């Protein structure tokens, strides 16, 4: 893996971790009380979209092939 690919791999991993952090919360301390905060935009739309962007970055990092003079 090239240094550029490795950097993209780390960036994709950090973006995916950010998506999982965005999903945290929304629960209720009392099990008898339903909390509608778990169904907000951040948890249902934004966090999965951020995780998908991270996965796309990971795919690009893995499939990326730099042109080098050694290969010619």
C-alpha atoms as a PDB file:
ATOM      1  CA  UNK A   1       0.000   0.000   0.000  1.00  0.00           C
ATOM      2  CA  UNK A   2       1.303   3.416  -0.903  1.00  0.00           C
ATOM      3  CA  UNK A   3       1.663   6.216   1.656  1.00  0.00           C
ATOM      4  CA  UNK A   4      -1.229   8.065   0.004  1.00  0.00           C
ATOM      5  CA  UNK A   5      -3.388   4.935   0.198  1.00  0.00           C
ATOM      6  CA  UNK A   6      -2.463   4.443   3.832  1.00  0.00           C
ATOM      7  CA  UNK A   7      -3.449   8.038   4.639  1.00  0.00           C
ATOM      8  CA  UNK A   8      -6.781   7.561   2.862  1.00  0.00           C
ATOM      9  CA  UNK A   9      -7.291   4.322   4.794  1.00  0.00           C
ATOM     10  CA  UNK A  10      -6.766   6.104   8.142  1.00  0.00           C
ATOM     11  CA  UNK A  11      -9.034   8.990   7.097  1.00  0.00           C
ATOM     12  CA  UNK A  12     -11.776   6.550   6.083  1.00  0.00           C
ATOM     13  CA  UNK A  13     -11.448   4.747   9.401  1.00  0.00           C
ATOM     14  CA  UNK A  14     -11.744   8.027  11.324  1.00  0.00           C
ATOM     15  CA  UNK A  15     -14.812   9.053   9.279  1.00  0.00           C
ATOM     16  CA  UNK A  16     -16.459   5.717  10.063  1.00  0.00           C
ATOM     17  CA  UNK A  17     -15.693   6.120  13.778  1.00  0.00           C
ATOM     18  CA  UNK A  18     -17.243   9.608  13.625  1.00  0.00           C
ATOM     19  CA  UNK A  19     -20.402   8.083  12.151  1.00  0.00           C
ATOM     20  CA  UNK A  20     -20.637   5.567  14.977  1.00  0.00           C
ATOM     21  CA  UNK A  21     -20.095   8.326  17.548  1.00  0.00           C
ATOM     22  CA  UNK A  22     -22.966  10.281  15.962  1.00  0.00           C
ATOM     23  CA  UNK A  23     -25.265   7.297  16.622  1.00  0.00           C
ATOM     24  CA  UNK A  24     -24.567   7.298  20.370  1.00  0.00           C
ATOM     25  CA  UNK A  25     -27.325   8.348  22.746  1.00  0.00           C
ATOM     26  CA  UNK A  26     -31.057   8.796  22.538  1.00  0.00           C
ATOM     27  CA  UNK A  27     -31.876   6.207  25.137  1.00  0.00           C
ATOM     28  CA  UNK A  28     -33.884   6.676  28.282  1.00  0.00           C
ATOM     29  CA  UNK A  29     -32.721   6.061  31.831  1.00  0.00           C
ATOM     30  CA  UNK A  30     -36.187   4.883  32.801  1.00  0.00           C
ATOM     31  CA  UNK A  31     -37.285   1.766  30.846  1.00  0.00           C
ATOM     32  CA  UNK A  32     -40.959   2.719  31.339  1.00  0.00           C
ATOM     33  CA  UNK A  33     -40.535   6.035  29.482  1.00  0.00           C
ATOM     34  CA  UNK A  34     -40.189   6.045  25.701  1.00  0.00           C
ATOM     35  CA  UNK A  35     -37.749   8.622  24.373  1.00  0.00           C
ATOM     36  CA  UNK A  36     -38.374   9.858  20.827  1.00  0.00           C
ATOM     37  CA  UNK A  37     -34.863  11.374  20.689  1.00  0.00           C
ATOM     38  CA  UNK A  38     -33.564   8.104  19.255  1.00  0.00           C
ATOM     39  CA  UNK A  39     -35.476   8.827  16.039  1.00  0.00           C
ATOM     40  CA  UNK A  40     -33.929  12.191  15.199  1.00  0.00           C
ATOM     41  CA  UNK A  41     -32.180  13.200  11.977  1.00  0.00           C
ATOM     42  CA  UNK A  42     -28.679  12.726  13.350  1.00  0.00           C
ATOM     43  CA  UNK A  43     -29.154   9.067  14.274  1.00  0.00           C
ATOM     44  CA  UNK A  44     -31.347   7.939  11.372  1.00  0.00           C
ATOM     45  CA  UNK A  45     -29.884   9.854   8.420  1.00  0.00           C
ATOM     46  CA  UNK A  46     -26.634  11.653   9.174  1.00  0.00           C
ATOM     47  CA  UNK A  47     -24.736   8.903  11.001  1.00  0.00           C
ATOM     48  CA  UNK A  48     -25.401   6.147   8.414  1.00  0.00           C
ATOM     49  CA  UNK A  49     -24.511   8.568   5.600  1.00  0.00           C
ATOM     50  CA  UNK A  50     -21.206   9.421   7.310  1.00  0.00           C
ATOM     51  CA  UNK A  51     -20.444   5.713   7.767  1.00  0.00           C
ATOM     52  CA  UNK A  52     -21.157   5.063   4.074  1.00  0.00           C
ATOM     53  CA  UNK A  53     -18.825   7.919   3.098  1.00  0.00           C
ATOM     54  CA  UNK A  54     -16.150   6.315   5.285  1.00  0.00           C
ATOM     55  CA  UNK A  55     -16.667   2.966   3.550  1.00  0.00           C
ATOM     56  CA  UNK A  56     -16.357   4.629   0.128  1.00  0.00           C
ATOM     57  CA  UNK A  57     -13.101   6.263   1.251  1.00  0.00           C
ATOM     58  CA  UNK A  58     -11.853   2.847   2.408  1.00  0.00           C
ATOM     59  CA  UNK A  59     -12.687   1.306  -0.979  1.00  0.00           C
ATOM     60  CA  UNK A  60     -10.899   4.135  -2.774  1.00  0.00           C
ATOM     61  CA  UNK A  61      -7.878   3.694  -0.502  1.00  0.00           C
ATOM     62  CA  UNK A  62      -7.722  -0.031  -1.205  1.00  0.00           C
ATOM     63  CA  UNK A  63      -8.316   0.249  -4.961  1.00  0.00           C
ATOM     64  CA  UNK A  64      -6.072   3.293  -5.443  1.00  0.00           C
ATOM     65  CA  UNK A  65      -3.001   2.585  -7.539  1.00  0.00           C
ATOM     66  CA  UNK A  66      -0.449   5.354  -7.884  1.00  0.00           C
ATOM     67  CA  UNK A  67       1.526   5.628 -11.071  1.00  0.00           C
ATOM     68  CA  UNK A  68       5.168   5.035 -10.365  1.00  0.00           C
ATOM     69  CA  UNK A  69       8.191   4.745 -12.627  1.00  0.00           C
ATOM     70  CA  UNK A  70       9.096   1.385 -11.093  1.00  0.00           C
ATOM     71  CA  UNK A  71       6.001  -0.263 -12.621  1.00  0.00           C
ATOM     72  CA  UNK A  72       6.825   0.833 -16.180  1.00  0.00           C
END
